[in-house]
Amino acid sequence: MSGAQVVGLGLCTPVGTSTHMTLASLRARLVRFTRTEVLDDMGEPVRASRLSLLESSVTRTQRMVALARQALAGVWPLLESLPPGRWVPLYLGLPEVGLGAPVEQEALVEALLAETEGRLELVQAHASGRAAFFEALASAQKDLHSGRAGALALVGAVDSLADGASLEALARARLHLGRRNPDGRIPGEAAGFVALARPGAPKSLKLEATGVLLGTALAVEPRPFSQRGPSLAEGLTEALHALRRDSATGARRVDAVLACQPGDSFWGTEFSRAYLRNASFMPEPLRVHVAGEGLGDAGAGAGPVMLGMALHRARWRQPVARRTLVYGSADCGRIGACVVEMIRNAKEEA
């Protein structure tokens, strides 16, 4: 396998403040949907998927900093084991502009770099919502392949739509699930970091791979959700076509599909149309899991969580689901997708 290898994972979500807790809770179909202090125009509380450890008065940026710090703890042992003076390039996925409260990007990045004691250096930030993590993956994979990133890179994404100001903005736009919009979404939040190593990384790093990133694809939807028209799925179709044409990813069907989407019917229509145009690439029988079912709309933060789910499906007694398609479509039309294949070590195979 020539793709970048996944050698570390750290997650923090409302259903779990660690990778293990998050994945176990999602497996058990636990949710943290709750009524908030924000009222919509019908006088009803807006529901959200919130990390209960954070006060409701905390701003969006502060919530994102807290989530990201906790997620970083999952990959900190790997960063700490590196030789002194060695830093790791960071590729970061962030919320799309215009959806929810403004994000203080500089303050967020400063907090993350301070948390890792100089072990990280930001290379690129992608502010494209649910597509951001995949854009960051593509950038990191390209730099690992060219040697610009060295042997190791960290790809992360964080988002929160559960702060008061964001909930009020979503309520004004009538995007939330409520009596006026039974096809709305439940705002959420999440953060995650994935450590990638290039093939042939020095053995002195003592890296243990759990999966391999076979390929990524990016596209733009010309008629996005933000235009409030019907979905024609041209962007997602293009991304899936690109993965099918890739010899590493298109050699056979994927075993499962994980979508970073909320529950709006627009996204179901988008996937259905793209699926019909790429049926030979899809699982048979079709298996799809949507992030909104357990996390609500976690925005950019859904990407690393879904990738984490993909890498742990065999540990969920689903040994056939080893190759997984993960994708995310942003409201603005940016789209990203990847195919990841799990690596099972000797102990698991025994």
Protein backbone atom coordinates (compact mmCIF):
# COMPACT_ATOMS: atom_id res chain seq x y z
CA MET A 1 0.00 0.00 0.00
CA SER A 2 1.44 3.34 -1.06
CA GLY A 3 -0.98 5.70 0.71
CA ALA A 4 -0.30 7.63 3.89
CA GLN A 5 -0.77 5.52 7.01
CA VAL A 6 -2.95 6.55 9.95
CA VAL A 7 -0.82 6.18 13.08
CA GLY A 8 -2.71 8.24 15.64
CA LEU A 9 -6.21 9.47 16.45
CA GLY A 10 -7.65 11.86 19.01
CA LEU A 11 -11.34 12.76 19.30
CA CYS A 12 -13.59 14.85 21.52
CA THR A 13 -17.36 15.06 21.06
CA PRO A 14 -20.47 15.60 23.20
CA VAL A 15 -20.81 11.81 23.50
CA GLY A 16 -17.21 11.24 24.63
CA THR A 17 -14.20 13.28 25.66
CA SER A 18 -11.75 10.69 24.33
CA THR A 19 -11.41 8.56 21.21
CA HIS A 20 -12.48 5.40 23.02
CA MET A 21 -15.49 7.03 24.68
CA THR A 22 -16.64 8.69 21.47
CA LEU A 23 -16.44 5.55 19.35
CA ALA A 24 -18.02 3.36 22.03
CA SER A 25 -20.88 5.83 22.47
CA LEU A 26 -21.50 6.09 18.73
CA ARG A 27 -21.47 2.31 18.51
CA ALA A 28 -24.08 2.17 21.26
CA ARG A 29 -26.06 4.91 19.46
CA LEU A 30 -25.92 7.26 22.45
CA VAL A 31 -26.76 10.91 21.85
CA ARG A 32 -26.45 14.17 23.79
CA PHE A 33 -29.31 16.07 22.18
CA THR A 34 -30.66 18.60 24.65
CA ARG A 35 -32.91 21.64 24.80
CA THR A 36 -30.91 24.86 25.09
CA GLU A 37 -31.60 28.28 26.57
CA VAL A 38 -32.04 29.76 23.07
CA LEU A 39 -35.65 30.12 21.89
CA ASP A 40 -36.80 30.15 18.27
CA ASP A 41 -39.54 32.37 16.81
CA MET A 42 -42.15 29.92 18.09
CA GLY A 43 -40.85 30.31 21.63
CA GLU A 44 -39.51 26.76 21.70
CA PRO A 45 -35.99 25.82 22.89
CA VAL A 46 -33.53 25.12 20.10
CA ARG A 47 -32.10 21.63 20.48
CA ALA A 48 -28.37 20.96 20.17
CA SER A 49 -25.74 18.28 20.70
CA ARG A 50 -23.52 19.91 23.33
CA LEU A 51 -20.55 18.89 25.45
CA SER A 52 -22.14 19.21 28.88
CA LEU A 53 -18.80 19.99 30.58
CA LEU A 54 -18.79 23.45 28.96
CA GLU A 55 -20.98 26.28 30.25
CA SER A 56 -23.71 27.53 27.93
CA SER A 57 -22.21 31.05 28.10
CA VAL A 58 -18.93 29.95 26.48
CA THR A 59 -18.33 31.50 23.03
CA ARG A 60 -17.92 29.53 19.82
CA THR A 61 -14.17 30.06 19.72
CA GLN A 62 -13.80 29.08 23.37
CA ARG A 63 -15.83 25.91 22.82
CA MET A 64 -13.68 25.02 19.82
CA VAL A 65 -10.47 25.59 21.81
CA ALA A 66 -11.70 23.35 24.63
CA LEU A 67 -12.78 20.58 22.24
CA ALA A 68 -9.53 20.73 20.25
CA ARG A 69 -7.33 20.69 23.36
CA GLN A 70 -9.05 17.55 24.60
CA ALA A 71 -8.80 15.88 21.18
CA LEU A 72 -5.09 16.72 21.01
CA ALA A 73 -4.59 14.69 24.18
CA GLY A 74 -5.28 11.57 22.10
CA VAL A 75 -2.25 12.16 19.87
CA TRP A 76 -0.01 13.86 22.44
CA PRO A 77 1.86 10.64 23.41
CA LEU A 78 2.90 10.30 19.76
CA LEU A 79 4.06 13.92 19.53
CA GLU A 80 5.84 13.67 22.88
CA SER A 81 7.79 10.60 21.73
CA LEU A 82 9.43 12.50 18.87
CA PRO A 83 13.11 13.50 19.20
CA PRO A 84 13.68 16.87 20.93
CA GLY A 85 13.42 19.87 18.63
CA ARG A 86 11.38 18.02 16.03
CA TRP A 87 8.08 19.60 14.99
CA VAL A 88 5.13 18.20 13.07
CA PRO A 89 3.24 20.13 10.35
CA LEU A 90 -0.42 20.79 11.16
CA TYR A 91 -3.20 20.94 8.56
CA LEU A 92 -6.41 22.25 10.08
CA GLY A 93 -10.05 22.16 9.00
CA LEU A 94 -12.29 24.98 10.25
CA PRO A 95 -15.91 26.18 9.90
CA GLU A 96 -17.11 27.80 6.72
CA VAL A 97 -17.59 31.56 6.90
CA GLY A 98 -21.13 32.83 7.33
CA LEU A 99 -22.60 29.86 9.19
CA GLY A 100 -22.90 30.52 12.92
CA ALA A 101 -20.98 33.00 15.04
CA PRO A 102 -17.60 34.36 13.85
CA VAL A 103 -14.51 32.31 14.80
CA GLU A 104 -11.33 33.93 16.10
CA GLN A 105 -8.97 31.80 14.02
CA GLU A 106 -5.73 33.35 15.27
CA ALA A 107 -6.68 32.84 18.92
CA LEU A 108 -7.69 29.24 18.20
CA VAL A 109 -4.44 28.40 16.43
CA GLU A 110 -2.34 30.10 19.11
CA ALA A 111 -4.06 28.05 21.81
CA LEU A 112 -3.40 24.79 19.94
CA LEU A 113 0.25 25.54 19.29
CA ALA A 114 0.76 26.53 22.94
CA GLU A 115 -0.90 23.29 24.05
CA THR A 116 1.68 21.17 22.20
CA GLU A 117 4.78 22.95 23.53
CA GLY A 118 6.17 23.82 20.12
CA ARG A 119 5.69 20.34 18.64
CA LEU A 120 3.31 21.63 15.96
CA GLU A 121 3.58 24.25 13.22
CA LEU A 122 0.52 25.30 11.25
CA VAL A 123 1.05 24.82 7.52
CA GLN A 124 -2.44 25.45 6.20
CA ALA A 125 -5.98 26.09 7.47
CA HIS A 126 -9.05 25.29 5.39
CA ALA A 127 -12.24 27.17 6.32
CA SER A 128 -14.77 25.09 4.37
CA GLY A 129 -16.97 23.37 6.94
CA ARG A 130 -17.72 19.69 6.39
CA ALA A 131 -15.31 19.60 3.44
CA ALA A 132 -12.45 21.20 5.41
CA PHE A 133 -11.04 18.02 6.93
CA PHE A 134 -10.79 16.39 3.52
CA GLU A 135 -9.08 19.44 2.02
CA ALA A 136 -6.61 19.28 4.91
CA LEU A 137 -6.11 15.55 4.26
CA ALA A 138 -5.39 16.21 0.60
CA SER A 139 -2.84 18.91 1.46
CA ALA A 140 -1.10 16.72 4.01
CA GLN A 141 -1.03 13.69 1.71
CA LYS A 142 0.48 15.78 -1.08
CA ASP A 143 3.20 17.17 1.21
CA LEU A 144 3.98 13.73 2.65
CA HIS A 145 4.35 12.32 -0.86
CA SER A 146 6.63 15.17 -1.98
CA GLY A 147 8.72 15.06 1.19
CA ARG A 148 7.84 18.62 2.20
CA ALA A 149 6.10 17.37 5.37
CA GLY A 150 8.85 14.97 6.40
CA ALA A 151 7.72 11.60 7.74
CA LEU A 152 4.76 12.69 9.88
CA ALA A 153 1.84 15.14 9.61
CA LEU A 154 -1.12 15.99 11.81
CA VAL A 155 -4.51 16.64 10.21
CA GLY A 156 -7.24 18.06 12.40
CA ALA A 157 -10.64 19.70 12.30
CA VAL A 158 -12.79 21.42 14.89
CA ASP A 159 -16.17 23.11 14.87
CA SER A 160 -19.00 24.12 17.16
CA LEU A 161 -22.48 25.32 16.30
CA ALA A 162 -23.71 24.79 19.86
CA ASP A 163 -22.81 28.20 21.35
CA GLY A 164 -25.58 30.69 22.05
CA ALA A 165 -24.75 33.11 19.23
CA SER A 166 -24.57 30.32 16.62
CA LEU A 167 -27.85 28.81 17.82
CA GLU A 168 -29.53 32.21 17.55
CA ALA A 169 -28.17 32.64 14.02
CA LEU A 170 -29.40 29.20 12.96
CA ALA A 171 -32.80 29.90 14.51
CA ARG A 172 -33.11 33.19 12.62
CA ALA A 173 -32.27 31.38 9.39
CA ARG A 174 -34.75 28.61 10.32
CA LEU A 175 -32.15 25.93 9.73
CA HIS A 176 -32.72 24.18 13.06
CA LEU A 177 -35.12 21.29 13.63
CA GLY A 178 -38.40 22.68 14.95
CA ARG A 179 -42.10 23.11 14.32
CA ARG A 180 -41.47 25.59 11.51
CA ASN A 181 -38.86 23.33 9.92
CA PRO A 182 -39.40 19.60 10.51
CA ASP A 183 -36.65 19.01 7.92
CA GLY A 184 -34.09 21.01 9.93
CA ARG A 185 -30.87 20.04 11.68
CA ILE A 186 -29.68 19.68 15.26
CA PRO A 187 -26.52 21.81 15.75
CA GLY A 188 -23.53 19.98 17.22
CA GLU A 189 -19.80 20.19 17.85
CA ALA A 190 -16.71 18.00 17.61
CA ALA A 191 -12.93 18.00 17.25
CA GLY A 192 -10.45 15.43 16.05
CA PHE A 193 -6.84 14.96 14.99
CA VAL A 194 -5.39 12.25 12.77
CA ALA A 195 -1.67 11.55 12.60
CA LEU A 196 -0.46 10.49 9.15
CA ALA A 197 2.88 8.90 8.30
CA ARG A 198 4.31 8.55 4.82
CA PRO A 199 5.07 5.03 3.60
CA GLY A 200 8.56 4.03 4.63
CA ALA A 201 8.67 6.29 7.68
CA PRO A 202 11.77 5.65 9.84
CA LYS A 203 11.38 2.63 12.10
CA SER A 204 12.94 4.65 14.89
CA LEU A 205 9.63 6.50 15.23
CA LYS A 206 7.97 3.20 16.30
CA LEU A 207 4.68 4.01 14.60
CA GLU A 208 1.79 1.55 14.62
CA ALA A 209 -0.63 1.98 11.73
CA THR A 210 -4.37 1.35 12.13
CA GLY A 211 -5.30 2.25 8.56
CA VAL A 212 -4.12 3.54 5.23
CA LEU A 213 -5.50 6.51 3.32
CA LEU A 214 -5.93 5.16 -0.20
CA GLY A 215 -7.01 8.40 -1.82
CA THR A 216 -8.80 11.73 -1.51
CA ALA A 217 -10.91 13.76 -3.92
CA LEU A 218 -12.23 17.33 -3.83
CA ALA A 219 -15.00 19.02 -5.80
CA VAL A 220 -17.39 21.97 -5.80
CA GLU A 221 -21.17 21.73 -6.05
CA PRO A 222 -22.47 24.41 -8.48
CA ARG A 223 -25.94 24.37 -6.82
CA PRO A 224 -25.15 24.13 -3.10
CA PHE A 225 -27.48 23.93 -0.13
CA SER A 226 -27.02 27.66 0.54
CA GLN A 227 -28.90 28.46 -2.68
CA ARG A 228 -31.95 26.63 -1.29
CA GLY A 229 -32.64 24.81 -4.58
CA PRO A 230 -32.98 21.08 -5.26
CA SER A 231 -29.78 19.05 -5.17
CA LEU A 232 -28.43 17.78 -8.48
CA ALA A 233 -25.39 16.19 -6.76
CA GLU A 234 -22.98 17.24 -9.51
CA GLY A 235 -20.15 17.97 -7.06
CA LEU A 236 -20.42 14.74 -5.07
CA THR A 237 -20.75 12.79 -8.32
CA GLU A 238 -17.51 14.38 -9.55
CA ALA A 239 -15.68 13.52 -6.32
CA LEU A 240 -16.82 9.89 -6.46
CA HIS A 241 -15.90 9.63 -10.13
CA ALA A 242 -12.39 10.84 -9.25
CA LEU A 243 -12.04 8.15 -6.58
CA ARG A 244 -13.29 5.50 -9.00
CA ARG A 245 -10.68 6.56 -11.57
CA ASP A 246 -7.91 6.30 -8.98
CA SER A 247 -6.28 2.88 -9.27
CA ALA A 248 -5.75 2.68 -5.50
CA THR A 249 -9.37 3.37 -4.55
CA GLY A 250 -11.41 2.28 -7.54
CA ALA A 251 -10.13 -1.29 -7.86
CA ARG A 252 -13.18 -2.65 -6.00
CA ARG A 253 -16.26 -1.57 -4.10
CA VAL A 254 -16.04 0.10 -0.74
CA ASP A 255 -17.57 -1.85 2.13
CA ALA A 256 -19.37 1.03 3.84
CA VAL A 257 -20.14 4.74 3.49
CA LEU A 258 -19.84 7.29 6.30
CA ALA A 259 -21.32 10.75 5.65
CA CYS A 260 -20.47 13.88 7.65
CA GLN A 261 -23.92 15.32 6.98
CA PRO A 262 -26.78 16.47 9.24
CA GLY A 263 -30.28 15.07 8.79
CA ASP A 264 -31.76 17.50 6.22
CA SER A 265 -33.39 15.72 3.27
CA PHE A 266 -31.23 17.78 0.85
CA TRP A 267 -28.22 15.64 1.76
CA GLY A 268 -30.12 12.38 1.37
CA THR A 269 -31.13 13.44 -2.13
CA GLU A 270 -27.55 14.45 -2.91
CA PHE A 271 -26.19 11.07 -1.89
CA SER A 272 -28.95 9.09 -3.62
CA ARG A 273 -28.28 10.77 -6.96
CA ALA A 274 -24.50 10.46 -6.66
CA TYR A 275 -24.91 6.82 -5.60
CA LEU A 276 -26.93 5.93 -8.70
CA ARG A 277 -24.17 7.42 -10.90
CA ASN A 278 -21.49 5.43 -9.05
CA ALA A 279 -23.31 2.21 -8.16
CA SER A 280 -20.39 -0.05 -9.11
CA PHE A 281 -18.26 1.71 -6.48
CA MET A 282 -20.80 1.44 -3.65
CA PRO A 283 -21.33 -1.28 -1.02
CA GLU A 284 -23.58 -4.17 -1.86
CA PRO A 285 -25.79 -4.29 0.14
CA LEU A 286 -25.67 -0.53 0.72
CA ARG A 287 -24.47 0.48 4.20
CA VAL A 288 -24.52 4.20 5.08
CA HIS A 289 -24.06 5.92 8.44
CA VAL A 290 -24.76 9.65 8.77
CA ALA A 291 -22.95 11.77 11.37
CA GLY A 292 -26.12 13.70 12.20
CA GLU A 293 -27.69 10.61 13.74
CA GLY A 294 -25.27 10.65 16.68
CA LEU A 295 -23.58 14.06 16.65
CA GLY A 296 -26.03 16.44 15.06
CA ASP A 297 -24.42 18.89 12.66
CA ALA A 298 -20.79 18.88 13.85
CA GLY A 299 -19.65 20.87 10.80
CA ALA A 300 -15.93 20.59 10.10
CA GLY A 301 -15.48 18.46 13.23
CA ALA A 302 -17.45 15.55 11.77
CA GLY A 303 -14.66 14.53 9.36
CA PRO A 304 -12.11 13.10 11.81
CA VAL A 305 -14.87 11.44 13.84
CA MET A 306 -16.20 9.62 10.78
CA LEU A 307 -12.66 8.61 9.80
CA GLY A 308 -12.21 7.24 13.32
CA MET A 309 -15.40 5.21 12.94
CA ALA A 310 -14.13 3.83 9.63
CA LEU A 311 -10.91 2.61 11.24
CA HIS A 312 -12.69 0.84 14.07
CA ARG A 313 -15.48 -0.92 12.20
CA ALA A 314 -13.74 -4.32 12.38
CA ARG A 315 -13.47 -3.92 16.13
CA TRP A 316 -17.26 -3.54 16.06
CA ARG A 317 -17.57 -7.16 14.87
CA GLN A 318 -17.96 -6.10 11.24
CA PRO A 319 -14.87 -7.76 9.76
CA VAL A 320 -16.06 -7.31 6.17
CA ALA A 321 -16.14 -3.51 6.44
CA ARG A 322 -12.46 -2.86 5.93
CA ARG A 323 -12.56 -0.31 3.10
CA THR A 324 -14.75 2.73 3.77
CA LEU A 325 -15.80 5.82 1.84
CA VAL A 326 -16.00 8.93 4.02
CA TYR A 327 -17.28 12.20 2.60
CA GLY A 328 -18.45 15.66 3.61
CA SER A 329 -20.44 18.33 1.77
CA ALA A 330 -20.47 21.90 3.05
CA ASP A 331 -23.47 24.22 2.79
CA CYS A 332 -21.37 26.51 0.56
CA GLY A 333 -20.78 23.69 -1.96
CA ARG A 334 -17.24 22.56 -1.16
CA ILE A 335 -17.01 18.75 -1.13
CA GLY A 336 -14.35 16.31 0.02
CA ALA A 337 -14.15 12.53 0.10
CA CYS A 338 -11.62 9.84 0.91
CA VAL A 339 -11.30 6.08 0.99
CA VAL A 340 -9.58 4.56 4.00
CA GLU A 341 -8.71 0.91 4.56
CA MET A 342 -8.24 -0.58 7.97
CA ILE A 343 -5.08 -2.41 8.96
CA ARG A 344 -5.60 -5.17 11.51
CA ASN A 345 -2.58 -6.20 13.51
CA ALA A 346 -1.60 -9.75 14.35
CA LYS A 347 -3.31 -9.70 17.77
CA GLU A 348 -6.65 -8.77 16.17
CA GLU A 349 -6.31 -11.41 13.48
CA ALA A 350 -5.58 -14.14 16.02
